[in-house]
Amino acid sequence: MTQHNIPFQVIDWTKIEPSKHAGEKGSALWNTLQLPGLRIRIVTYSAGYVADHWCQKGHIVHCLQGELITEHENGERYTLKEGMTYVVSDNLSSHRSVAKQQVKLLIVDGDFLQSR
């Protein structure tokens, strides 16, 4: 795994232009900071959002506002409420996000989550 040095910085999310991503239902707005080997996002899912794919990627997901349902392809479901976090490495689950109401998340992913 490549090591990256990230200098100290303050992120003003209001100055990062959001990009819109369609789900199977609803949409997501991503404010993304991309660094070498690391992606940090504030993601807002619209009410009724359902992801358009099963994700194998590793993430650290922290719920800032609202409530997120994480569905696993095997049928398991987990509810992430405001102040809760989930963590998973790459290729260790097949999951997708569902939001009944609008939800705002901090999502961190990158090379450090590659499974070994």
N, C-alpha and C. Protein backbone atom coordinates (compact mmCIF):
# COMPACT_ATOMS: atom_id res chain seq x y z
N MET A 1 0.84 -1.17 0.00
CA MET A 1 0.00 0.00 0.00
C MET A 1 0.89 1.24 0.00
N THR A 2 0.54 2.20 -0.83
CA THR A 2 1.28 3.44 -0.91
C THR A 2 0.92 4.35 0.24
N GLN A 3 1.93 4.96 0.86
CA GLN A 3 1.68 5.90 1.94
C GLN A 3 1.62 7.30 1.35
N HIS A 4 0.65 8.08 1.79
CA HIS A 4 0.49 9.45 1.34
C HIS A 4 0.59 10.38 2.54
N ASN A 5 1.27 11.48 2.35
CA ASN A 5 1.35 12.50 3.39
C ASN A 5 0.36 13.60 3.05
N ILE A 6 -0.53 13.88 3.98
CA ILE A 6 -1.56 14.90 3.77
C ILE A 6 -1.25 16.06 4.70
N PRO A 7 -0.96 17.22 4.13
CA PRO A 7 -0.66 18.37 4.99
C PRO A 7 -1.93 18.84 5.70
N PHE A 8 -1.75 19.54 6.82
CA PHE A 8 -2.87 20.10 7.56
C PHE A 8 -3.65 21.02 6.64
N GLN A 9 -4.97 20.90 6.70
CA GLN A 9 -5.83 21.80 5.94
C GLN A 9 -7.20 21.86 6.58
N VAL A 10 -7.86 22.98 6.37
CA VAL A 10 -9.22 23.17 6.84
C VAL A 10 -10.11 23.09 5.61
N ILE A 11 -11.20 22.34 5.71
CA ILE A 11 -12.10 22.16 4.58
C ILE A 11 -13.35 22.99 4.82
N ASP A 12 -13.60 23.95 3.95
CA ASP A 12 -14.85 24.73 3.99
C ASP A 12 -15.77 24.11 2.96
N TRP A 13 -16.66 23.23 3.42
CA TRP A 13 -17.53 22.48 2.52
C TRP A 13 -18.43 23.38 1.69
N THR A 14 -18.71 24.59 2.18
CA THR A 14 -19.57 25.51 1.42
C THR A 14 -18.90 26.01 0.15
N LYS A 15 -17.58 25.85 0.07
CA LYS A 15 -16.84 26.32 -1.11
C LYS A 15 -16.56 25.20 -2.11
N ILE A 16 -17.02 23.99 -1.79
CA ILE A 16 -16.84 22.85 -2.70
C ILE A 16 -18.15 22.62 -3.43
N GLU A 17 -18.11 22.81 -4.73
CA GLU A 17 -19.31 22.69 -5.57
C GLU A 17 -19.82 21.25 -5.56
N PRO A 18 -21.10 21.05 -5.28
CA PRO A 18 -21.63 19.69 -5.26
C PRO A 18 -21.83 19.13 -6.67
N SER A 19 -21.72 17.82 -6.78
CA SER A 19 -22.07 17.14 -8.04
C SER A 19 -23.27 16.26 -7.75
N LYS A 20 -24.17 16.14 -8.73
CA LYS A 20 -25.41 15.38 -8.55
C LYS A 20 -25.26 14.00 -9.16
N HIS A 21 -25.74 12.99 -8.43
CA HIS A 21 -25.65 11.61 -8.86
C HIS A 21 -27.03 10.97 -8.71
N ALA A 22 -27.52 10.41 -9.80
CA ALA A 22 -28.84 9.77 -9.77
C ALA A 22 -28.76 8.42 -9.12
N GLY A 23 -29.76 8.09 -8.33
CA GLY A 23 -29.91 6.76 -7.77
C GLY A 23 -30.92 5.99 -8.60
N GLU A 24 -31.20 4.76 -8.20
CA GLU A 24 -32.29 4.01 -8.80
C GLU A 24 -33.59 4.80 -8.59
N LYS A 25 -33.68 5.39 -7.40
CA LYS A 25 -34.74 6.34 -7.06
C LYS A 25 -34.06 7.50 -6.35
N GLY A 26 -34.52 8.71 -6.59
CA GLY A 26 -33.95 9.88 -5.93
C GLY A 26 -32.57 10.22 -6.43
N SER A 27 -31.89 11.10 -5.69
CA SER A 27 -30.56 11.54 -6.11
C SER A 27 -29.68 11.84 -4.90
N ALA A 28 -28.39 11.99 -5.18
CA ALA A 28 -27.40 12.30 -4.15
C ALA A 28 -26.61 13.51 -4.59
N LEU A 29 -26.32 14.39 -3.65
CA LEU A 29 -25.41 15.51 -3.89
C LEU A 29 -24.12 15.20 -3.15
N TRP A 30 -23.00 15.26 -3.87
CA TRP A 30 -21.69 14.99 -3.29
C TRP A 30 -20.86 16.27 -3.30
N ASN A 31 -20.36 16.67 -2.15
CA ASN A 31 -19.30 17.68 -2.05
C ASN A 31 -18.05 16.86 -1.77
N THR A 32 -17.12 16.84 -2.71
CA THR A 32 -16.00 15.90 -2.66
C THR A 32 -14.65 16.60 -2.59
N LEU A 33 -13.82 16.15 -1.66
CA LEU A 33 -12.43 16.53 -1.62
C LEU A 33 -11.63 15.29 -1.96
N GLN A 34 -10.92 15.32 -3.10
CA GLN A 34 -10.11 14.18 -3.53
C GLN A 34 -8.65 14.48 -3.27
N LEU A 35 -8.02 13.62 -2.50
CA LEU A 35 -6.60 13.71 -2.21
C LEU A 35 -5.94 12.43 -2.69
N PRO A 36 -4.63 12.37 -2.80
CA PRO A 36 -3.99 11.13 -3.23
C PRO A 36 -4.35 9.97 -2.30
N GLY A 37 -5.03 8.96 -2.82
CA GLY A 37 -5.37 7.78 -2.06
C GLY A 37 -6.47 7.96 -1.03
N LEU A 38 -7.15 9.12 -1.04
CA LEU A 38 -8.16 9.41 -0.03
C LEU A 38 -9.25 10.30 -0.63
N ARG A 39 -10.52 9.91 -0.41
CA ARG A 39 -11.64 10.73 -0.84
C ARG A 39 -12.50 11.00 0.39
N ILE A 40 -12.82 12.28 0.60
CA ILE A 40 -13.67 12.70 1.71
C ILE A 40 -14.86 13.43 1.11
N ARG A 41 -16.07 13.01 1.53
CA ARG A 41 -17.28 13.61 0.95
C ARG A 41 -18.31 13.93 2.02
N ILE A 42 -19.05 15.01 1.77
CA ILE A 42 -20.32 15.24 2.44
C ILE A 42 -21.35 14.85 1.40
N VAL A 43 -22.18 13.88 1.72
CA VAL A 43 -23.17 13.36 0.77
C VAL A 43 -24.56 13.57 1.36
N THR A 44 -25.44 14.14 0.55
CA THR A 44 -26.83 14.32 0.95
C THR A 44 -27.71 13.51 0.01
N TYR A 45 -28.43 12.54 0.57
CA TYR A 45 -29.38 11.74 -0.20
C TYR A 45 -30.76 12.37 -0.07
N SER A 46 -31.47 12.43 -1.18
CA SER A 46 -32.84 12.96 -1.16
C SER A 46 -33.77 11.96 -0.48
N ALA A 47 -34.93 12.45 -0.05
CA ALA A 47 -35.96 11.56 0.48
C ALA A 47 -36.32 10.56 -0.60
N GLY A 48 -36.45 9.29 -0.24
CA GLY A 48 -36.80 8.24 -1.19
C GLY A 48 -35.62 7.70 -1.98
N TYR A 49 -34.40 8.08 -1.62
CA TYR A 49 -33.21 7.63 -2.36
C TYR A 49 -32.98 6.13 -2.20
N VAL A 50 -32.66 5.49 -3.32
CA VAL A 50 -32.20 4.10 -3.34
C VAL A 50 -31.01 4.06 -4.29
N ALA A 51 -29.86 3.57 -3.84
CA ALA A 51 -28.67 3.50 -4.69
C ALA A 51 -28.94 2.65 -5.92
N ASP A 52 -28.26 2.98 -6.99
CA ASP A 52 -28.47 2.28 -8.27
C ASP A 52 -27.53 1.10 -8.47
N HIS A 53 -26.77 0.71 -7.43
CA HIS A 53 -25.84 -0.41 -7.55
C HIS A 53 -25.53 -0.99 -6.17
N TRP A 54 -25.03 -2.21 -6.17
CA TRP A 54 -24.50 -2.84 -4.96
C TRP A 54 -23.02 -2.50 -4.92
N CYS A 55 -22.59 -1.90 -3.84
CA CYS A 55 -21.22 -1.39 -3.72
C CYS A 55 -20.35 -2.39 -2.98
N GLN A 56 -19.14 -2.60 -3.48
CA GLN A 56 -18.15 -3.47 -2.84
C GLN A 56 -17.04 -2.66 -2.16
N LYS A 57 -17.09 -1.34 -2.32
CA LYS A 57 -16.04 -0.46 -1.83
C LYS A 57 -16.09 -0.33 -0.32
N GLY A 58 -14.93 -0.14 0.29
CA GLY A 58 -14.85 0.12 1.71
C GLY A 58 -15.14 1.59 2.00
N HIS A 59 -15.75 1.85 3.14
CA HIS A 59 -16.10 3.22 3.53
C HIS A 59 -16.05 3.35 5.05
N ILE A 60 -15.90 4.58 5.48
CA ILE A 60 -16.26 5.01 6.82
C ILE A 60 -17.41 5.97 6.59
N VAL A 61 -18.59 5.65 7.11
CA VAL A 61 -19.78 6.46 6.88
C VAL A 61 -20.29 6.94 8.24
N HIS A 62 -20.38 8.26 8.40
CA HIS A 62 -20.87 8.85 9.64
C HIS A 62 -22.12 9.66 9.32
N CYS A 63 -23.20 9.39 10.02
CA CYS A 63 -24.47 10.06 9.79
C CYS A 63 -24.49 11.40 10.54
N LEU A 64 -24.56 12.47 9.77
CA LEU A 64 -24.58 13.82 10.34
C LEU A 64 -26.00 14.26 10.67
N GLN A 65 -26.95 13.95 9.77
CA GLN A 65 -28.35 14.34 9.96
C GLN A 65 -29.24 13.28 9.32
N GLY A 66 -30.33 12.96 9.98
CA GLY A 66 -31.29 12.02 9.41
C GLY A 66 -30.99 10.58 9.77
N GLU A 67 -31.40 9.69 8.88
CA GLU A 67 -31.29 8.26 9.13
C GLU A 67 -31.04 7.53 7.81
N LEU A 68 -30.07 6.64 7.80
CA LEU A 68 -29.70 5.88 6.61
C LEU A 68 -29.94 4.40 6.84
N ILE A 69 -30.50 3.75 5.85
CA ILE A 69 -30.63 2.29 5.88
C ILE A 69 -29.58 1.74 4.93
N THR A 70 -28.75 0.83 5.43
CA THR A 70 -27.78 0.15 4.59
C THR A 70 -28.28 -1.27 4.38
N GLU A 71 -28.55 -1.60 3.12
CA GLU A 71 -29.01 -2.95 2.77
C GLU A 71 -27.82 -3.74 2.27
N HIS A 72 -27.76 -5.01 2.66
CA HIS A 72 -26.75 -5.91 2.15
C HIS A 72 -27.43 -6.85 1.15
N GLU A 73 -26.68 -7.27 0.17
CA GLU A 73 -27.23 -8.11 -0.89
C GLU A 73 -27.81 -9.42 -0.33
N ASN A 74 -27.33 -9.85 0.83
CA ASN A 74 -27.83 -11.08 1.44
C ASN A 74 -29.13 -10.85 2.23
N GLY A 75 -29.65 -9.62 2.21
CA GLY A 75 -30.92 -9.31 2.86
C GLY A 75 -30.81 -8.62 4.20
N GLU A 76 -29.63 -8.59 4.80
CA GLU A 76 -29.46 -7.89 6.07
C GLU A 76 -29.66 -6.40 5.87
N ARG A 77 -30.19 -5.73 6.89
CA ARG A 77 -30.41 -4.28 6.85
C ARG A 77 -29.93 -3.68 8.17
N TYR A 78 -29.25 -2.54 8.07
CA TYR A 78 -28.77 -1.83 9.24
C TYR A 78 -29.23 -0.38 9.16
N THR A 79 -29.66 0.16 10.28
CA THR A 79 -30.08 1.56 10.33
C THR A 79 -29.01 2.37 11.03
N LEU A 80 -28.57 3.42 10.35
CA LEU A 80 -27.56 4.33 10.87
C LEU A 80 -28.29 5.62 11.22
N LYS A 81 -28.32 5.96 12.50
CA LYS A 81 -28.99 7.18 12.96
C LYS A 81 -27.97 8.27 13.19
N GLU A 82 -28.45 9.48 13.29
CA GLU A 82 -27.59 10.63 13.51
C GLU A 82 -26.60 10.35 14.64
N GLY A 83 -25.32 10.58 14.37
CA GLY A 83 -24.27 10.35 15.36
C GLY A 83 -23.66 8.96 15.30
N MET A 84 -24.20 8.07 14.46
CA MET A 84 -23.68 6.71 14.33
C MET A 84 -22.77 6.60 13.10
N THR A 85 -21.89 5.59 13.12
CA THR A 85 -20.91 5.38 12.06
C THR A 85 -20.85 3.90 11.72
N TYR A 86 -20.61 3.60 10.43
CA TYR A 86 -20.25 2.23 10.07
C TYR A 86 -18.94 2.24 9.31
N VAL A 87 -18.22 1.11 9.41
CA VAL A 87 -16.91 0.96 8.78
C VAL A 87 -16.86 -0.40 8.11
N VAL A 88 -16.31 -0.45 6.89
CA VAL A 88 -16.11 -1.72 6.19
C VAL A 88 -14.95 -1.56 5.21
N SER A 89 -14.14 -2.59 5.06
CA SER A 89 -13.05 -2.59 4.08
C SER A 89 -13.56 -3.02 2.71
N ASP A 90 -12.77 -2.73 1.69
CA ASP A 90 -13.11 -3.11 0.31
C ASP A 90 -13.39 -4.61 0.23
N ASN A 91 -14.38 -4.96 -0.57
CA ASN A 91 -14.71 -6.35 -0.93
C ASN A 91 -15.13 -7.23 0.25
N LEU A 92 -15.57 -6.63 1.37
CA LEU A 92 -16.00 -7.43 2.51
C LEU A 92 -17.52 -7.41 2.69
N SER A 93 -18.22 -6.64 1.85
CA SER A 93 -19.68 -6.66 1.86
C SER A 93 -20.18 -6.12 0.54
N SER A 94 -21.40 -6.48 0.21
CA SER A 94 -22.08 -5.94 -0.96
C SER A 94 -23.27 -5.16 -0.40
N HIS A 95 -23.20 -3.84 -0.45
CA HIS A 95 -24.17 -3.01 0.25
C HIS A 95 -24.67 -1.88 -0.65
N ARG A 96 -25.82 -1.32 -0.26
CA ARG A 96 -26.33 -0.13 -0.93
C ARG A 96 -27.08 0.72 0.08
N SER A 97 -27.21 2.00 -0.24
CA SER A 97 -27.84 2.96 0.67
C SER A 97 -29.29 3.21 0.28
N VAL A 98 -30.13 3.38 1.30
CA VAL A 98 -31.54 3.72 1.13
C VAL A 98 -31.86 4.81 2.15
N ALA A 99 -32.59 5.84 1.71
CA ALA A 99 -32.99 6.92 2.62
C ALA A 99 -34.48 7.19 2.46
N LYS A 100 -35.23 6.96 3.52
CA LYS A 100 -36.67 7.26 3.47
C LYS A 100 -36.87 8.77 3.45
N GLN A 101 -36.11 9.48 4.31
CA GLN A 101 -36.12 10.94 4.35
C GLN A 101 -34.72 11.43 3.99
N GLN A 102 -34.58 12.72 3.75
CA GLN A 102 -33.26 13.26 3.42
C GLN A 102 -32.27 12.92 4.53
N VAL A 103 -31.06 12.56 4.14
CA VAL A 103 -30.01 12.23 5.10
C VAL A 103 -28.70 12.86 4.63
N LYS A 104 -27.89 13.30 5.59
CA LYS A 104 -26.60 13.92 5.29
C LYS A 104 -25.51 13.11 5.98
N LEU A 105 -24.49 12.74 5.21
CA LEU A 105 -23.43 11.84 5.68
C LEU A 105 -22.05 12.42 5.44
N LEU A 106 -21.10 12.04 6.26
CA LEU A 106 -19.68 12.24 6.00
C LEU A 106 -19.15 10.87 5.61
N ILE A 107 -18.58 10.76 4.41
CA ILE A 107 -18.08 9.48 3.91
C ILE A 107 -16.60 9.62 3.58
N VAL A 108 -15.81 8.71 4.13
CA VAL A 108 -14.36 8.68 3.88
C VAL A 108 -14.03 7.32 3.29
N ASP A 109 -13.30 7.31 2.17
CA ASP A 109 -12.82 6.06 1.62
C ASP A 109 -11.48 6.30 0.95
N GLY A 110 -10.77 5.21 0.73
CA GLY A 110 -9.46 5.35 0.12
C GLY A 110 -8.64 4.09 0.23
N ASP A 111 -7.39 4.23 -0.15
CA ASP A 111 -6.48 3.08 -0.23
C ASP A 111 -6.34 2.34 1.10
N PHE A 112 -6.46 3.05 2.22
CA PHE A 112 -6.27 2.42 3.53
C PHE A 112 -7.35 1.39 3.85
N LEU A 113 -8.44 1.34 3.09
CA LEU A 113 -9.52 0.39 3.32
C LEU A 113 -9.44 -0.84 2.42
N GLN A 114 -8.35 -0.99 1.67
CA GLN A 114 -8.20 -2.16 0.83
C GLN A 114 -8.02 -3.39 1.71
N SER A 115 -8.82 -4.42 1.43
CA SER A 115 -8.70 -5.65 2.22
C SER A 115 -7.42 -6.38 1.81
N ARG A 116 -6.87 -7.12 2.73
CA ARG A 116 -5.60 -7.81 2.47
C ARG A 116 -5.80 -9.29 2.47
